[in-house]
Amino acid sequence: MSEDLNKETEELNEGEELDNILVLNDEEGNEVEFEFLDLIEYEGEEYVVLLPVESEETEEAGEVVILKLEDTESDEEESYVSVENEETLNKVFEIFKEKFEDEFNFVD
């Protein structure tokens, strides 16, 4: 996903849970749901590993999205940007695979 995504700030009612679901807005303002899998630190930067919430028409099931966490001026909002560097993406994914090798069935 080449677009920058911003985390939408949501207010939860008492007792309501999101089950690690993040609702992000793409550049066109469309809401996209992801399941948060992990936060990886690599070379002083933080990256989130997200799994798109599957819809029935999704063909590429199981592919994760890795976005870089960027600081914003607001404490209530986080900004996620796409990672263009293929080497960085591969390194972050390798760290993720090592951490979760017993929990996920990774297919090359």
N, C-alpha and C. Protein backbone atom coordinates (compact mmCIF):
# COMPACT_ATOMS: atom_id res chain seq x y z
N MET A 1 0.85 -1.17 0.00
CA MET A 1 0.00 0.00 0.00
C MET A 1 0.89 1.22 0.00
N SER A 2 0.78 2.03 -1.00
CA SER A 2 1.71 3.13 -1.15
C SER A 2 1.20 4.43 -0.54
N GLU A 3 0.00 4.41 0.01
CA GLU A 3 -0.53 5.65 0.56
C GLU A 3 -0.15 5.80 2.03
N ASP A 4 -0.08 7.05 2.46
CA ASP A 4 0.11 7.31 3.89
C ASP A 4 -1.22 7.08 4.58
N LEU A 5 -1.15 6.51 5.76
CA LEU A 5 -2.37 6.23 6.51
C LEU A 5 -2.29 6.91 7.86
N ASN A 6 -3.38 7.47 8.31
CA ASN A 6 -3.44 8.08 9.62
C ASN A 6 -4.42 7.32 10.48
N LYS A 7 -4.03 7.06 11.70
CA LYS A 7 -4.89 6.35 12.62
C LYS A 7 -6.06 7.26 13.01
N GLU A 8 -7.24 6.70 12.88
CA GLU A 8 -8.42 7.46 13.26
C GLU A 8 -8.57 7.37 14.77
N THR A 9 -8.82 8.50 15.41
CA THR A 9 -9.03 8.53 16.84
C THR A 9 -10.44 8.08 17.13
N GLU A 10 -10.58 7.06 17.96
CA GLU A 10 -11.90 6.54 18.29
C GLU A 10 -12.10 6.59 19.79
N GLU A 11 -13.31 6.95 20.18
CA GLU A 11 -13.65 6.94 21.58
C GLU A 11 -14.41 5.65 21.85
N LEU A 12 -14.00 4.94 22.88
CA LEU A 12 -14.63 3.67 23.22
C LEU A 12 -15.54 3.85 24.42
N ASN A 13 -16.69 3.21 24.34
CA ASN A 13 -17.56 3.17 25.50
C ASN A 13 -16.97 2.22 26.51
N GLU A 14 -17.31 2.40 27.78
CA GLU A 14 -16.75 1.55 28.81
C GLU A 14 -17.07 0.09 28.51
N GLY A 15 -16.06 -0.76 28.56
CA GLY A 15 -16.24 -2.19 28.32
C GLY A 15 -16.15 -2.59 26.86
N GLU A 16 -16.10 -1.63 25.95
CA GLU A 16 -16.02 -1.95 24.53
C GLU A 16 -14.57 -2.22 24.15
N GLU A 17 -14.34 -3.28 23.35
CA GLU A 17 -12.99 -3.63 22.93
C GLU A 17 -12.90 -3.64 21.42
N LEU A 18 -11.72 -3.34 20.90
CA LEU A 18 -11.50 -3.38 19.47
C LEU A 18 -10.78 -4.64 19.02
N ASP A 19 -10.32 -5.47 19.94
CA ASP A 19 -9.63 -6.71 19.61
C ASP A 19 -8.46 -6.47 18.66
N ASN A 20 -7.63 -5.48 18.97
CA ASN A 20 -6.45 -5.17 18.17
C ASN A 20 -6.78 -4.74 16.75
N ILE A 21 -7.94 -4.17 16.52
CA ILE A 21 -8.33 -3.69 15.20
C ILE A 21 -8.07 -2.19 15.13
N LEU A 22 -7.31 -1.79 14.12
CA LEU A 22 -7.05 -0.37 13.86
C LEU A 22 -7.86 0.04 12.64
N VAL A 23 -8.49 1.18 12.73
CA VAL A 23 -9.18 1.74 11.58
C VAL A 23 -8.34 2.91 11.09
N LEU A 24 -7.79 2.76 9.89
CA LEU A 24 -6.93 3.78 9.32
C LEU A 24 -7.65 4.43 8.14
N ASN A 25 -7.31 5.68 7.90
CA ASN A 25 -7.84 6.39 6.74
C ASN A 25 -6.75 6.52 5.70
N ASP A 26 -7.08 6.16 4.45
CA ASP A 26 -6.11 6.34 3.39
C ASP A 26 -6.17 7.79 2.90
N GLU A 27 -5.36 8.13 1.90
CA GLU A 27 -5.29 9.52 1.43
C GLU A 27 -6.61 10.02 0.88
N GLU A 28 -7.47 9.10 0.45
CA GLU A 28 -8.76 9.49 -0.11
C GLU A 28 -9.85 9.54 0.96
N GLY A 29 -9.49 9.30 2.22
CA GLY A 29 -10.45 9.36 3.31
C GLY A 29 -11.23 8.07 3.52
N ASN A 30 -10.88 7.01 2.80
CA ASN A 30 -11.56 5.73 2.97
C ASN A 30 -11.06 5.03 4.23
N GLU A 31 -11.98 4.44 4.97
CA GLU A 31 -11.59 3.69 6.16
C GLU A 31 -11.13 2.29 5.76
N VAL A 32 -10.01 1.87 6.34
CA VAL A 32 -9.47 0.55 6.08
C VAL A 32 -9.18 -0.08 7.44
N GLU A 33 -9.66 -1.31 7.65
CA GLU A 33 -9.46 -1.99 8.94
C GLU A 33 -8.28 -2.95 8.85
N PHE A 34 -7.46 -2.92 9.91
CA PHE A 34 -6.31 -3.81 10.02
C PHE A 34 -6.28 -4.41 11.42
N GLU A 35 -5.78 -5.64 11.50
CA GLU A 35 -5.50 -6.24 12.79
C GLU A 35 -4.05 -5.95 13.12
N PHE A 36 -3.82 -5.36 14.30
CA PHE A 36 -2.46 -5.07 14.76
C PHE A 36 -1.80 -6.37 15.20
N LEU A 37 -0.65 -6.71 14.61
CA LEU A 37 0.06 -7.94 14.97
C LEU A 37 1.25 -7.67 15.87
N ASP A 38 2.04 -6.63 15.57
CA ASP A 38 3.24 -6.38 16.36
C ASP A 38 3.81 -5.00 16.06
N LEU A 39 4.63 -4.54 17.00
CA LEU A 39 5.41 -3.32 16.84
C LEU A 39 6.87 -3.75 16.85
N ILE A 40 7.58 -3.46 15.79
CA ILE A 40 8.98 -3.87 15.63
C ILE A 40 9.87 -2.63 15.63
N GLU A 41 10.93 -2.68 16.43
CA GLU A 41 11.91 -1.60 16.39
C GLU A 41 13.09 -2.07 15.54
N TYR A 42 13.48 -1.22 14.58
CA TYR A 42 14.59 -1.54 13.69
C TYR A 42 15.35 -0.25 13.37
N GLU A 43 16.64 -0.25 13.66
CA GLU A 43 17.53 0.88 13.41
C GLU A 43 16.96 2.20 13.94
N GLY A 44 16.46 2.16 15.16
CA GLY A 44 15.98 3.36 15.83
C GLY A 44 14.60 3.84 15.39
N GLU A 45 13.96 3.12 14.52
CA GLU A 45 12.62 3.48 14.05
C GLU A 45 11.64 2.39 14.48
N GLU A 46 10.35 2.75 14.56
CA GLU A 46 9.32 1.78 14.93
C GLU A 46 8.43 1.50 13.72
N TYR A 47 8.11 0.22 13.55
CA TYR A 47 7.29 -0.23 12.44
C TYR A 47 6.16 -1.08 12.99
N VAL A 48 4.96 -0.91 12.43
CA VAL A 48 3.84 -1.76 12.82
C VAL A 48 3.63 -2.81 11.74
N VAL A 49 3.29 -4.01 12.20
CA VAL A 49 2.96 -5.10 11.29
C VAL A 49 1.46 -5.31 11.42
N LEU A 50 0.77 -5.13 10.31
CA LEU A 50 -0.69 -5.16 10.30
C LEU A 50 -1.19 -6.21 9.31
N LEU A 51 -2.31 -6.82 9.65
CA LEU A 51 -2.96 -7.76 8.77
C LEU A 51 -4.29 -7.16 8.35
N PRO A 52 -4.49 -6.94 7.04
CA PRO A 52 -5.78 -6.38 6.61
C PRO A 52 -6.92 -7.29 7.05
N VAL A 53 -8.00 -6.68 7.55
CA VAL A 53 -9.18 -7.47 7.90
C VAL A 53 -9.76 -7.96 6.59
N GLU A 54 -9.90 -9.27 6.51
CA GLU A 54 -10.27 -9.90 5.25
C GLU A 54 -11.73 -9.68 4.89
N SER A 55 -11.96 -9.35 3.64
CA SER A 55 -13.30 -9.38 3.10
C SER A 55 -13.35 -10.58 2.16
N GLU A 56 -14.54 -11.00 1.81
CA GLU A 56 -14.67 -12.23 1.02
C GLU A 56 -14.02 -12.11 -0.35
N GLU A 57 -13.95 -10.90 -0.91
CA GLU A 57 -13.37 -10.77 -2.24
C GLU A 57 -11.86 -10.57 -2.24
N THR A 58 -11.24 -10.58 -1.06
CA THR A 58 -9.79 -10.41 -0.99
C THR A 58 -9.11 -11.67 -1.52
N GLU A 59 -8.22 -11.46 -2.49
CA GLU A 59 -7.53 -12.59 -3.10
C GLU A 59 -6.20 -12.89 -2.44
N GLU A 60 -5.54 -11.89 -1.91
CA GLU A 60 -4.21 -12.06 -1.34
C GLU A 60 -4.31 -12.23 0.18
N ALA A 61 -5.02 -13.25 0.60
CA ALA A 61 -5.23 -13.49 2.02
C ALA A 61 -3.91 -13.78 2.73
N GLY A 62 -3.77 -13.22 3.92
CA GLY A 62 -2.61 -13.51 4.73
C GLY A 62 -1.42 -12.60 4.53
N GLU A 63 -1.47 -11.69 3.57
CA GLU A 63 -0.35 -10.77 3.38
C GLU A 63 -0.41 -9.67 4.43
N VAL A 64 0.74 -9.40 5.04
CA VAL A 64 0.80 -8.35 6.05
C VAL A 64 1.23 -7.04 5.41
N VAL A 65 0.92 -5.95 6.12
CA VAL A 65 1.31 -4.61 5.71
C VAL A 65 2.25 -4.08 6.79
N ILE A 66 3.39 -3.55 6.37
CA ILE A 66 4.35 -2.98 7.31
C ILE A 66 4.40 -1.48 7.06
N LEU A 67 4.11 -0.71 8.11
CA LEU A 67 4.12 0.74 8.01
C LEU A 67 5.03 1.31 9.08
N LYS A 68 5.67 2.43 8.75
CA LYS A 68 6.54 3.12 9.70
C LYS A 68 5.70 4.06 10.57
N LEU A 69 5.95 4.02 11.86
CA LEU A 69 5.27 4.89 12.81
C LEU A 69 6.00 6.21 12.85
N GLU A 70 5.26 7.30 12.62
CA GLU A 70 5.86 8.63 12.66
C GLU A 70 5.19 9.46 13.74
N ASP A 71 5.99 10.31 14.37
CA ASP A 71 5.47 11.20 15.40
C ASP A 71 4.60 12.28 14.76
N THR A 72 3.58 12.68 15.51
CA THR A 72 2.75 13.80 15.09
C THR A 72 2.74 14.81 16.23
N GLU A 73 2.19 15.97 15.96
CA GLU A 73 2.13 17.00 17.00
C GLU A 73 1.08 16.67 18.05
N SER A 74 0.15 15.80 17.71
CA SER A 74 -0.94 15.45 18.62
C SER A 74 -0.63 14.16 19.35
N ASP A 75 -0.90 14.14 20.67
CA ASP A 75 -0.71 12.92 21.44
C ASP A 75 -1.82 11.91 21.17
N GLU A 76 -2.94 12.37 20.60
CA GLU A 76 -4.09 11.50 20.39
C GLU A 76 -4.07 10.82 19.03
N GLU A 77 -3.15 11.18 18.17
CA GLU A 77 -3.13 10.63 16.83
C GLU A 77 -1.73 10.15 16.47
N GLU A 78 -1.68 9.01 15.79
CA GLU A 78 -0.42 8.48 15.30
C GLU A 78 -0.48 8.50 13.78
N SER A 79 0.67 8.60 13.16
CA SER A 79 0.72 8.61 11.71
C SER A 79 1.55 7.42 11.24
N TYR A 80 1.03 6.72 10.24
CA TYR A 80 1.72 5.57 9.67
C TYR A 80 2.00 5.89 8.21
N VAL A 81 3.22 5.65 7.78
CA VAL A 81 3.58 5.89 6.38
C VAL A 81 4.14 4.61 5.77
N SER A 82 3.93 4.49 4.46
CA SER A 82 4.43 3.31 3.78
C SER A 82 5.95 3.32 3.74
N VAL A 83 6.53 2.14 3.66
CA VAL A 83 7.98 1.99 3.62
C VAL A 83 8.36 1.62 2.20
N GLU A 84 9.14 2.49 1.57
CA GLU A 84 9.52 2.27 0.17
C GLU A 84 10.79 1.42 0.04
N ASN A 85 11.62 1.41 1.07
CA ASN A 85 12.90 0.69 1.02
C ASN A 85 12.66 -0.81 1.20
N GLU A 86 12.89 -1.55 0.13
CA GLU A 86 12.65 -3.00 0.12
C GLU A 86 13.51 -3.73 1.15
N GLU A 87 14.75 -3.30 1.32
CA GLU A 87 15.66 -3.93 2.28
C GLU A 87 15.12 -3.76 3.71
N THR A 88 14.65 -2.56 4.04
CA THR A 88 14.08 -2.31 5.37
C THR A 88 12.85 -3.17 5.58
N LEU A 89 11.96 -3.23 4.58
CA LEU A 89 10.77 -4.08 4.69
C LEU A 89 11.14 -5.53 4.97
N ASN A 90 12.13 -6.04 4.23
CA ASN A 90 12.56 -7.43 4.41
C ASN A 90 13.14 -7.68 5.80
N LYS A 91 13.94 -6.74 6.30
CA LYS A 91 14.56 -6.90 7.63
C LYS A 91 13.47 -6.89 8.71
N VAL A 92 12.54 -5.95 8.63
CA VAL A 92 11.46 -5.88 9.62
C VAL A 92 10.62 -7.16 9.57
N PHE A 93 10.32 -7.64 8.36
CA PHE A 93 9.53 -8.86 8.24
C PHE A 93 10.29 -10.07 8.79
N GLU A 94 11.60 -10.13 8.58
CA GLU A 94 12.40 -11.23 9.14
C GLU A 94 12.36 -11.23 10.66
N ILE A 95 12.44 -10.04 11.27
CA ILE A 95 12.34 -9.94 12.73
C ILE A 95 10.97 -10.44 13.18
N PHE A 96 9.93 -10.02 12.49
CA PHE A 96 8.58 -10.46 12.81
C PHE A 96 8.46 -11.98 12.69
N LYS A 97 8.98 -12.54 11.61
CA LYS A 97 8.91 -14.00 11.41
C LYS A 97 9.63 -14.75 12.52
N GLU A 98 10.79 -14.26 12.94
CA GLU A 98 11.53 -14.92 14.02
C GLU A 98 10.75 -14.90 15.33
N LYS A 99 10.10 -13.77 15.63
CA LYS A 99 9.34 -13.64 16.87
C LYS A 99 8.11 -14.54 16.89
N PHE A 100 7.51 -14.76 15.73
CA PHE A 100 6.24 -15.46 15.67
C PHE A 100 6.28 -16.76 14.88
N GLU A 101 7.47 -17.36 14.77
CA GLU A 101 7.59 -18.58 13.98
C GLU A 101 6.73 -19.73 14.49
N ASP A 102 6.42 -19.74 15.79
CA ASP A 102 5.61 -20.81 16.36
C ASP A 102 4.11 -20.52 16.28
N GLU A 103 3.75 -19.26 15.97
CA GLU A 103 2.35 -18.88 15.97
C GLU A 103 1.73 -18.78 14.59
N PHE A 104 2.54 -18.55 13.56
CA PHE A 104 2.05 -18.38 12.20
C PHE A 104 2.73 -19.39 11.28
N ASN A 105 2.02 -19.77 10.24
CA ASN A 105 2.57 -20.64 9.20
C ASN A 105 2.99 -19.75 8.04
N PHE A 106 4.26 -19.37 7.98
CA PHE A 106 4.75 -18.47 6.95
C PHE A 106 5.01 -19.22 5.67
N VAL A 107 4.53 -18.66 4.56
CA VAL A 107 4.71 -19.26 3.23
C VAL A 107 5.54 -18.30 2.40
N ASP A 108 6.62 -18.81 1.80
CA ASP A 108 7.48 -17.96 0.96
C ASP A 108 6.90 -17.80 -0.43
